[in-house]
Amino acid sequence: KLLWKRLRNSKLGVKFRRQFSVVGYVVDFYCPEKRLVVELLGGVHKTIGARKYDDYRRTYLKSFWMTVLEFWNSEVEEDIEKVVDRIKKHLE
């Protein structure tokens, strides 16, 4: 919810979609104009199996000329400004 408040309604100058289906995967946030995927990672993503799946998924999305940014939930909670700044850099 914290990050969505910062991305919704084109607050960063571009439209983001939430929980959007992209080439067969539902991603947390997607900016079609910039082909930018933003994913949030929780504790479930720390297992070996989940990391392998995430690696495959990231590579697959990149094969469609998408940029994939991943942030741990704790990064958003502890320093949302830093997260938003990293997203902004990919929107330039």
PDB file of N, CA and C in Angstrom:
ATOM      1  N   LYS A   1       0.815  -1.194   0.000  1.00  0.00           N
ATOM      2  CA  LYS A   1       0.000   0.000   0.000  1.00  0.00           C
ATOM      3  C   LYS A   1       0.864   1.265   0.000  1.00  0.00           C
ATOM      4  N   LEU A   2       1.973   1.208   0.720  1.00  0.00           N
ATOM      5  CA  LEU A   2       2.839   2.385   0.799  1.00  0.00           C
ATOM      6  C   LEU A   2       3.369   2.782  -0.573  1.00  0.00           C
ATOM      7  N   LEU A   3       3.865   1.804  -1.306  1.00  0.00           N
ATOM      8  CA  LEU A   3       4.440   2.110  -2.611  1.00  0.00           C
ATOM      9  C   LEU A   3       3.356   2.473  -3.612  1.00  0.00           C
ATOM     10  N   TRP A   4       2.246   1.799  -3.570  1.00  0.00           N
ATOM     11  CA  TRP A   4       1.160   2.089  -4.511  1.00  0.00           C
ATOM     12  C   TRP A   4       0.686   3.534  -4.361  1.00  0.00           C
ATOM     13  N   LYS A   5       0.658   4.055  -3.149  1.00  0.00           N
ATOM     14  CA  LYS A   5       0.276   5.458  -2.933  1.00  0.00           C
ATOM     15  C   LYS A   5       1.205   6.407  -3.684  1.00  0.00           C
ATOM     16  N   ARG A   6       2.464   6.004  -3.848  1.00  0.00           N
ATOM     17  CA  ARG A   6       3.450   6.846  -4.519  1.00  0.00           C
ATOM     18  C   ARG A   6       3.430   6.686  -6.036  1.00  0.00           C
ATOM     19  N   LEU A   7       2.900   5.549  -6.522  1.00  0.00           N
ATOM     20  CA  LEU A   7       2.918   5.263  -7.955  1.00  0.00           C
ATOM     21  C   LEU A   7       1.589   5.571  -8.649  1.00  0.00           C
ATOM     22  N   ARG A   8       0.502   5.458  -7.943  1.00  0.00           N
ATOM     23  CA  ARG A   8      -0.820   5.581  -8.561  1.00  0.00           C
ATOM     24  C   ARG A   8      -1.108   6.994  -9.040  1.00  0.00           C
ATOM     25  N   ASN A   9      -2.084   7.079  -9.918  1.00  0.00           N
ATOM     26  CA  ASN A   9      -2.531   8.363 -10.473  1.00  0.00           C
ATOM     27  C   ASN A   9      -1.413   9.150 -11.157  1.00  0.00           C
ATOM     28  N   SER A  10      -0.486   8.432 -11.757  1.00  0.00           N
ATOM     29  CA  SER A  10       0.619   9.052 -12.517  1.00  0.00           C
ATOM     30  C   SER A  10       1.426  10.046 -11.692  1.00  0.00           C
ATOM     31  N   LYS A  11       1.586   9.784 -10.416  1.00  0.00           N
ATOM     32  CA  LYS A  11       2.322  10.708  -9.541  1.00  0.00           C
ATOM     33  C   LYS A  11       3.790  10.868  -9.932  1.00  0.00           C
ATOM     34  N   LEU A  12       4.337   9.883 -10.638  1.00  0.00           N
ATOM     35  CA  LEU A  12       5.723   9.996 -11.090  1.00  0.00           C
ATOM     36  C   LEU A  12       5.798  10.407 -12.556  1.00  0.00           C
ATOM     37  N   GLY A  13       4.678  10.824 -13.110  1.00  0.00           N
ATOM     38  CA  GLY A  13       4.658  11.303 -14.484  1.00  0.00           C
ATOM     39  C   GLY A  13       4.299  10.256 -15.525  1.00  0.00           C
ATOM     40  N   VAL A  14       4.140   9.022 -15.099  1.00  0.00           N
ATOM     41  CA  VAL A  14       3.734   7.940 -15.991  1.00  0.00           C
ATOM     42  C   VAL A  14       2.715   7.064 -15.269  1.00  0.00           C
ATOM     43  N   LYS A  15       1.941   6.326 -16.052  1.00  0.00           N
ATOM     44  CA  LYS A  15       0.917   5.476 -15.465  1.00  0.00           C
ATOM     45  C   LYS A  15       1.491   4.119 -15.072  1.00  0.00           C
ATOM     46  N   PHE A  16       1.205   3.705 -13.853  1.00  0.00           N
ATOM     47  CA  PHE A  16       1.533   2.365 -13.381  1.00  0.00           C
ATOM     48  C   PHE A  16       0.239   1.592 -13.200  1.00  0.00           C
ATOM     49  N   ARG A  17       0.312   0.313 -13.466  1.00  0.00           N
ATOM     50  CA  ARG A  17      -0.807  -0.588 -13.211  1.00  0.00           C
ATOM     51  C   ARG A  17      -0.394  -1.517 -12.075  1.00  0.00           C
ATOM     52  N   ARG A  18      -1.368  -1.853 -11.244  1.00  0.00           N
ATOM     53  CA  ARG A  18      -1.111  -2.699 -10.077  1.00  0.00           C
ATOM     54  C   ARG A  18      -1.643  -4.100 -10.342  1.00  0.00           C
ATOM     55  N   GLN A  19      -0.888  -5.125  -9.923  1.00  0.00           N
ATOM     56  CA  GLN A  19      -1.280  -6.522 -10.111  1.00  0.00           C
ATOM     57  C   GLN A  19      -1.721  -6.749 -11.556  1.00  0.00           C
ATOM     58  N   PHE A  20      -0.786  -6.522 -12.459  1.00  0.00           N
ATOM     59  CA  PHE A  20      -1.074  -6.519 -13.891  1.00  0.00           C
ATOM     60  C   PHE A  20      -0.450  -7.739 -14.558  1.00  0.00           C
ATOM     61  N   SER A  21      -1.187  -8.345 -15.474  1.00  0.00           N
ATOM     62  CA  SER A  21      -0.692  -9.508 -16.192  1.00  0.00           C
ATOM     63  C   SER A  21       0.200  -9.075 -17.351  1.00  0.00           C
ATOM     64  N   VAL A  22       1.441  -9.555 -17.327  1.00  0.00           N
ATOM     65  CA  VAL A  22       2.421  -9.232 -18.363  1.00  0.00           C
ATOM     66  C   VAL A  22       3.019 -10.551 -18.861  1.00  0.00           C
ATOM     67  N   VAL A  23       2.869 -10.838 -20.121  1.00  0.00           N
ATOM     68  CA  VAL A  23       3.364 -12.051 -20.776  1.00  0.00           C
ATOM     69  C   VAL A  23       3.229 -13.305 -19.903  1.00  0.00           C
ATOM     70  N   GLY A  24       2.050 -13.477 -19.334  1.00  0.00           N
ATOM     71  CA  GLY A  24       1.753 -14.685 -18.575  1.00  0.00           C
ATOM     72  C   GLY A  24       2.058 -14.639 -17.091  1.00  0.00           C
ATOM     73  N   TYR A  25       2.594 -13.544 -16.601  1.00  0.00           N
ATOM     74  CA  TYR A  25       2.890 -13.393 -15.173  1.00  0.00           C
ATOM     75  C   TYR A  25       2.161 -12.175 -14.629  1.00  0.00           C
ATOM     76  N   VAL A  26       1.677 -12.281 -13.412  1.00  0.00           N
ATOM     77  CA  VAL A  26       1.093 -11.121 -12.748  1.00  0.00           C
ATOM     78  C   VAL A  26       2.208 -10.458 -11.953  1.00  0.00           C
ATOM     79  N   VAL A  27       2.456  -9.196 -12.287  1.00  0.00           N
ATOM     80  CA  VAL A  27       3.517  -8.445 -11.602  1.00  0.00           C
ATOM     81  C   VAL A  27       2.888  -7.457 -10.637  1.00  0.00           C
ATOM     82  N   ASP A  28       3.637  -7.060  -9.636  1.00  0.00           N
ATOM     83  CA  ASP A  28       3.105  -6.138  -8.628  1.00  0.00           C
ATOM     84  C   ASP A  28       2.742  -4.794  -9.242  1.00  0.00           C
ATOM     85  N   PHE A  29       3.681  -4.200  -9.969  1.00  0.00           N
ATOM     86  CA  PHE A  29       3.441  -2.900 -10.607  1.00  0.00           C
ATOM     87  C   PHE A  29       4.078  -2.908 -11.990  1.00  0.00           C
ATOM     88  N   TYR A  30       3.386  -2.291 -12.952  1.00  0.00           N
ATOM     89  CA  TYR A  30       3.909  -2.258 -14.312  1.00  0.00           C
ATOM     90  C   TYR A  30       3.619  -0.913 -14.952  1.00  0.00           C
ATOM     91  N   CYS A  31       4.652  -0.345 -15.570  1.00  0.00           N
ATOM     92  CA  CYS A  31       4.522   0.891 -16.334  1.00  0.00           C
ATOM     93  C   CYS A  31       4.693   0.529 -17.803  1.00  0.00           C
ATOM     94  N   PRO A  32       3.577   0.427 -18.557  1.00  0.00           N
ATOM     95  CA  PRO A  32       3.674   0.034 -19.967  1.00  0.00           C
ATOM     96  C   PRO A  32       4.507   0.991 -20.812  1.00  0.00           C
ATOM     97  N   GLU A  33       4.400   2.266 -20.546  1.00  0.00           N
ATOM     98  CA  GLU A  33       5.121   3.270 -21.341  1.00  0.00           C
ATOM     99  C   GLU A  33       6.632   3.057 -21.294  1.00  0.00           C
ATOM    100  N   LYS A  34       7.134   2.670 -20.138  1.00  0.00           N
ATOM    101  CA  LYS A  34       8.581   2.483 -19.954  1.00  0.00           C
ATOM    102  C   LYS A  34       8.984   1.013 -19.895  1.00  0.00           C
ATOM    103  N   ARG A  35       8.001   0.117 -20.027  1.00  0.00           N
ATOM    104  CA  ARG A  35       8.243  -1.327 -19.944  1.00  0.00           C
ATOM    105  C   ARG A  35       8.998  -1.659 -18.654  1.00  0.00           C
ATOM    106  N   LEU A  36       8.524  -1.075 -17.560  1.00  0.00           N
ATOM    107  CA  LEU A  36       9.165  -1.210 -16.257  1.00  0.00           C
ATOM    108  C   LEU A  36       8.291  -2.032 -15.316  1.00  0.00           C
ATOM    109  N   VAL A  37       8.866  -3.098 -14.790  1.00  0.00           N
ATOM    110  CA  VAL A  37       8.210  -3.958 -13.812  1.00  0.00           C
ATOM    111  C   VAL A  37       8.827  -3.665 -12.455  1.00  0.00           C
ATOM    112  N   VAL A  38       7.974  -3.475 -11.449  1.00  0.00           N
ATOM    113  CA  VAL A  38       8.444  -3.284 -10.081  1.00  0.00           C
ATOM    114  C   VAL A  38       7.839  -4.401  -9.234  1.00  0.00           C
ATOM    115  N   GLU A  39       8.703  -5.175  -8.619  1.00  0.00           N
ATOM    116  CA  GLU A  39       8.270  -6.288  -7.795  1.00  0.00           C
ATOM    117  C   GLU A  39       8.681  -6.070  -6.349  1.00  0.00           C
ATOM    118  N   LEU A  40       7.804  -6.457  -5.436  1.00  0.00           N
ATOM    119  CA  LEU A  40       8.096  -6.415  -4.011  1.00  0.00           C
ATOM    120  C   LEU A  40       8.300  -7.836  -3.526  1.00  0.00           C
ATOM    121  N   LEU A  41       9.350  -8.033  -2.752  1.00  0.00           N
ATOM    122  CA  LEU A  41       9.715  -9.355  -2.281  1.00  0.00           C
ATOM    123  C   LEU A  41       9.545  -9.463  -0.772  1.00  0.00           C
ATOM    124  N   GLY A  42       8.847 -10.503  -0.363  1.00  0.00           N
ATOM    125  CA  GLY A  42       8.672 -10.782   1.060  1.00  0.00           C
ATOM    126  C   GLY A  42       9.495 -11.987   1.459  1.00  0.00           C
ATOM    127  N   GLY A  43       9.294 -12.444   2.663  1.00  0.00           N
ATOM    128  CA  GLY A  43      10.058 -13.562   3.205  1.00  0.00           C
ATOM    129  C   GLY A  43       9.977 -14.832   2.389  1.00  0.00           C
ATOM    130  N   VAL A  44       8.860 -15.077   1.730  1.00  0.00           N
ATOM    131  CA  VAL A  44       8.699 -16.291   0.935  1.00  0.00           C
ATOM    132  C   VAL A  44       9.710 -16.352  -0.205  1.00  0.00           C
ATOM    133  N   HIS A  45      10.227 -15.223  -0.617  1.00  0.00           N
ATOM    134  CA  HIS A  45      11.185 -15.165  -1.725  1.00  0.00           C
ATOM    135  C   HIS A  45      12.615 -15.518  -1.294  1.00  0.00           C
ATOM    136  N   LYS A  46      12.802 -15.838  -0.025  1.00  0.00           N
ATOM    137  CA  LYS A  46      14.148 -16.147   0.465  1.00  0.00           C
ATOM    138  C   LYS A  46      14.519 -17.618   0.321  1.00  0.00           C
ATOM    139  N   THR A  47      13.565 -18.479   0.015  1.00  0.00           N
ATOM    140  CA  THR A  47      13.880 -19.897  -0.120  1.00  0.00           C
ATOM    141  C   THR A  47      14.626 -20.137  -1.436  1.00  0.00           C
ATOM    142  N   ILE A  48      15.373 -21.214  -1.485  1.00  0.00           N
ATOM    143  CA  ILE A  48      16.141 -21.541  -2.693  1.00  0.00           C
ATOM    144  C   ILE A  48      15.209 -21.731  -3.884  1.00  0.00           C
ATOM    145  N   GLY A  49      14.124 -22.450  -3.675  1.00  0.00           N
ATOM    146  CA  GLY A  49      13.169 -22.687  -4.758  1.00  0.00           C
ATOM    147  C   GLY A  49      12.560 -21.401  -5.276  1.00  0.00           C
ATOM    148  N   ALA A  50      12.198 -20.519  -4.365  1.00  0.00           N
ATOM    149  CA  ALA A  50      11.602 -19.238  -4.768  1.00  0.00           C
ATOM    150  C   ALA A  50      12.611 -18.374  -5.507  1.00  0.00           C
ATOM    151  N   ARG A  51      13.864 -18.382  -5.059  1.00  0.00           N
ATOM    152  CA  ARG A  51      14.888 -17.577  -5.731  1.00  0.00           C
ATOM    153  C   ARG A  51      15.123 -18.084  -7.154  1.00  0.00           C
ATOM    154  N   LYS A  52      15.116 -19.411  -7.344  1.00  0.00           N
ATOM    155  CA  LYS A  52      15.276 -19.972  -8.687  1.00  0.00           C
ATOM    156  C   LYS A  52      14.104 -19.555  -9.575  1.00  0.00           C
ATOM    157  N   TYR A  53      12.900 -19.643  -9.030  1.00  0.00           N
ATOM    158  CA  TYR A  53      11.710 -19.238  -9.780  1.00  0.00           C
ATOM    159  C   TYR A  53      11.788 -17.756 -10.135  1.00  0.00           C
ATOM    160  N   ASP A  54      12.151 -16.925  -9.163  1.00  0.00           N
ATOM    161  CA  ASP A  54      12.269 -15.477  -9.393  1.00  0.00           C
ATOM    162  C   ASP A  54      13.326 -15.175 -10.450  1.00  0.00           C
ATOM    163  N   ASP A  55      14.441 -15.890 -10.415  1.00  0.00           N
ATOM    164  CA  ASP A  55      15.500 -15.689 -11.416  1.00  0.00           C
ATOM    165  C   ASP A  55      14.984 -16.018 -12.812  1.00  0.00           C
ATOM    166  N   TYR A  56      14.280 -17.140 -12.932  1.00  0.00           N
ATOM    167  CA  TYR A  56      13.725 -17.530 -14.227  1.00  0.00           C
ATOM    168  C   TYR A  56      12.722 -16.484 -14.716  1.00  0.00           C
ATOM    169  N   ARG A  57      11.837 -16.090 -13.833  1.00  0.00           N
ATOM    170  CA  ARG A  57      10.795 -15.122 -14.171  1.00  0.00           C
ATOM    171  C   ARG A  57      11.402 -13.788 -14.607  1.00  0.00           C
ATOM    172  N   ARG A  58      12.401 -13.318 -13.887  1.00  0.00           N
ATOM    173  CA  ARG A  58      13.087 -12.066 -14.210  1.00  0.00           C
ATOM    174  C   ARG A  58      13.736 -12.147 -15.594  1.00  0.00           C
ATOM    175  N   THR A  59      14.417 -13.247 -15.849  1.00  0.00           N
ATOM    176  CA  THR A  59      15.064 -13.451 -17.152  1.00  0.00           C
ATOM    177  C   THR A  59      14.023 -13.488 -18.268  1.00  0.00           C
ATOM    178  N   TYR A  60      12.919 -14.159 -18.027  1.00  0.00           N
ATOM    179  CA  TYR A  60      11.842 -14.247 -19.014  1.00  0.00           C
ATOM    180  C   TYR A  60      11.277 -12.863 -19.326  1.00  0.00           C
ATOM    181  N   LEU A  61      10.990 -12.079 -18.304  1.00  0.00           N
ATOM    182  CA  LEU A  61      10.451 -10.730 -18.515  1.00  0.00           C
ATOM    183  C   LEU A  61      11.456  -9.852 -19.259  1.00  0.00           C
ATOM    184  N   LYS A  62      12.728  -9.982 -18.915  1.00  0.00           N
ATOM    185  CA  LYS A  62      13.763  -9.198 -19.588  1.00  0.00           C
ATOM    186  C   LYS A  62      13.882  -9.582 -21.065  1.00  0.00           C
ATOM    187  N   SER A  63      13.538 -10.819 -21.395  1.00  0.00           N
ATOM    188  CA  SER A  63      13.609 -11.244 -22.796  1.00  0.00           C
ATOM    189  C   SER A  63      12.576 -10.507 -23.657  1.00  0.00           C
ATOM    190  N   PHE A  64      11.608  -9.865 -23.019  1.00  0.00           N
ATOM    191  CA  PHE A  64      10.613  -9.045 -23.707  1.00  0.00           C
ATOM    192  C   PHE A  64      10.960  -7.556 -23.590  1.00  0.00           C
ATOM    193  N   TRP A  65      12.219  -7.263 -23.366  1.00  0.00           N
ATOM    194  CA  TRP A  65      12.741  -5.895 -23.290  1.00  0.00           C
ATOM    195  C   TRP A  65      12.121  -5.106 -22.148  1.00  0.00           C
ATOM    196  N   MET A  66      11.881  -5.788 -21.041  1.00  0.00           N
ATOM    197  CA  MET A  66      11.366  -5.114 -19.850  1.00  0.00           C
ATOM    198  C   MET A  66      12.496  -4.962 -18.845  1.00  0.00           C
ATOM    199  N   THR A  67      12.425  -3.893 -18.086  1.00  0.00           N
ATOM    200  CA  THR A  67      13.337  -3.704 -16.961  1.00  0.00           C
ATOM    201  C   THR A  67      12.603  -4.179 -15.720  1.00  0.00           C
ATOM    202  N   VAL A  68      13.277  -4.955 -14.904  1.00  0.00           N
ATOM    203  CA  VAL A  68      12.667  -5.484 -13.695  1.00  0.00           C
ATOM    204  C   VAL A  68      13.422  -4.942 -12.486  1.00  0.00           C
ATOM    205  N   LEU A  69      12.705  -4.226 -11.640  1.00  0.00           N
ATOM    206  CA  LEU A  69      13.269  -3.742 -10.380  1.00  0.00           C
ATOM    207  C   LEU A  69      12.634  -4.534  -9.247  1.00  0.00           C
ATOM    208  N   GLU A  70      13.447  -4.988  -8.329  1.00  0.00           N
ATOM    209  CA  GLU A  70      12.935  -5.743  -7.187  1.00  0.00           C
ATOM    210  C   GLU A  70      13.363  -5.051  -5.900  1.00  0.00           C
ATOM    211  N   PHE A  71      12.434  -4.998  -4.975  1.00  0.00           N
ATOM    212  CA  PHE A  71      12.698  -4.400  -3.664  1.00  0.00           C
ATOM    213  C   PHE A  71      12.141  -5.314  -2.586  1.00  0.00           C
ATOM    214  N   TRP A  72      12.876  -5.453  -1.508  1.00  0.00           N
ATOM    215  CA  TRP A  72      12.360  -6.185  -0.354  1.00  0.00           C
ATOM    216  C   TRP A  72      11.307  -5.306   0.324  1.00  0.00           C
ATOM    217  N   ASN A  73      10.296  -5.938   0.879  1.00  0.00           N
ATOM    218  CA  ASN A  73       9.265  -5.195   1.604  1.00  0.00           C
ATOM    219  C   ASN A  73       9.892  -4.296   2.663  1.00  0.00           C
ATOM    220  N   SER A  74      10.924  -4.791   3.318  1.00  0.00           N
ATOM    221  CA  SER A  74      11.581  -4.008   4.372  1.00  0.00           C
ATOM    222  C   SER A  74      12.202  -2.726   3.819  1.00  0.00           C
ATOM    223  N   GLU A  75      12.682  -2.743   2.573  1.00  0.00           N
ATOM    224  CA  GLU A  75      13.238  -1.529   1.951  1.00  0.00           C
ATOM    225  C   GLU A  75      12.145  -0.467   1.818  1.00  0.00           C
ATOM    226  N   VAL A  76      10.973  -0.895   1.407  1.00  0.00           N
ATOM    227  CA  VAL A  76       9.853   0.040   1.242  1.00  0.00           C
ATOM    228  C   VAL A  76       9.445   0.601   2.597  1.00  0.00           C
ATOM    229  N   GLU A  77       9.381  -0.253   3.593  1.00  0.00           N
ATOM    230  CA  GLU A  77       8.961   0.172   4.926  1.00  0.00           C
ATOM    231  C   GLU A  77       9.988   1.082   5.596  1.00  0.00           C
ATOM    232  N   GLU A  78      11.272   0.814   5.383  1.00  0.00           N
ATOM    233  CA  GLU A  78      12.315   1.552   6.083  1.00  0.00           C
ATOM    234  C   GLU A  78      12.750   2.831   5.374  1.00  0.00           C
ATOM    235  N   ASP A  79      12.729   2.840   4.034  1.00  0.00           N
ATOM    236  CA  ASP A  79      13.193   4.023   3.308  1.00  0.00           C
ATOM    237  C   ASP A  79      12.510   4.118   1.945  1.00  0.00           C
ATOM    238  N   ILE A  80      11.238   4.448   1.962  1.00  0.00           N
ATOM    239  CA  ILE A  80      10.457   4.496   0.720  1.00  0.00           C
ATOM    240  C   ILE A  80      11.008   5.542  -0.242  1.00  0.00           C
ATOM    241  N   GLU A  81      11.606   6.611   0.276  1.00  0.00           N
ATOM    242  CA  GLU A  81      12.169   7.645  -0.607  1.00  0.00           C
ATOM    243  C   GLU A  81      13.287   7.076  -1.479  1.00  0.00           C
ATOM    244  N   LYS A  82      14.120   6.238  -0.904  1.00  0.00           N
ATOM    245  CA  LYS A  82      15.204   5.615  -1.656  1.00  0.00           C
ATOM    246  C   LYS A  82      14.629   4.703  -2.747  1.00  0.00           C
ATOM    247  N   VAL A  83      13.582   3.964  -2.422  1.00  0.00           N
ATOM    248  CA  VAL A  83      12.930   3.086  -3.397  1.00  0.00           C
ATOM    249  C   VAL A  83      12.335   3.912  -4.538  1.00  0.00           C
ATOM    250  N   VAL A  84      11.615   4.960  -4.194  1.00  0.00           N
ATOM    251  CA  VAL A  84      10.990   5.817  -5.209  1.00  0.00           C
ATOM    252  C   VAL A  84      12.059   6.476  -6.078  1.00  0.00           C
ATOM    253  N   ASP A  85      13.156   6.896  -5.477  1.00  0.00           N
ATOM    254  CA  ASP A  85      14.250   7.507  -6.257  1.00  0.00           C
ATOM    255  C   ASP A  85      14.822   6.522  -7.265  1.00  0.00           C
ATOM    256  N   ARG A  86      14.983   5.264  -6.870  1.00  0.00           N
ATOM    257  CA  ARG A  86      15.499   4.252  -7.812  1.00  0.00           C
ATOM    258  C   ARG A  86      14.515   4.038  -8.955  1.00  0.00           C
ATOM    259  N   ILE A  87      13.232   4.045  -8.658  1.00  0.00           N
ATOM    260  CA  ILE A  87      12.220   3.886  -9.709  1.00  0.00           C
ATOM    261  C   ILE A  87      12.268   5.085 -10.646  1.00  0.00           C
ATOM    262  N   LYS A  88      12.361   6.281 -10.090  1.00  0.00           N
ATOM    263  CA  LYS A  88      12.418   7.500 -10.906  1.00  0.00           C
ATOM    264  C   LYS A  88      13.589   7.457 -11.878  1.00  0.00           C
ATOM    265  N   LYS A  89      14.725   6.943 -11.452  1.00  0.00           N
ATOM    266  CA  LYS A  89      15.897   6.874 -12.341  1.00  0.00           C
ATOM    267  C   LYS A  89      15.619   6.030 -13.577  1.00  0.00           C
ATOM    268  N   HIS A  90      14.777   5.028 -13.434  1.00  0.00           N
ATOM    269  CA  HIS A  90      14.447   4.176 -14.576  1.00  0.00           C
ATOM    270  C   HIS A  90      13.328   4.745 -15.427  1.00  0.00           C
ATOM    271  N   LEU A  91      12.757   5.840 -14.990  1.00  0.00           N
ATOM    272  CA  LEU A  91      11.689   6.477 -15.755  1.00  0.00           C
ATOM    273  C   LEU A  91      12.226   7.604 -16.640  1.00  0.00           C
ATOM    274  N   GLU A  92      13.473   8.002 -16.433  1.00  0.00           N
ATOM    275  CA  GLU A  92      14.073   9.113 -17.182  1.00  0.00           C
ATOM    276  C   GLU A  92      14.366   8.728 -18.609  1.00  0.00           C
TER     277      GLU A  92
END
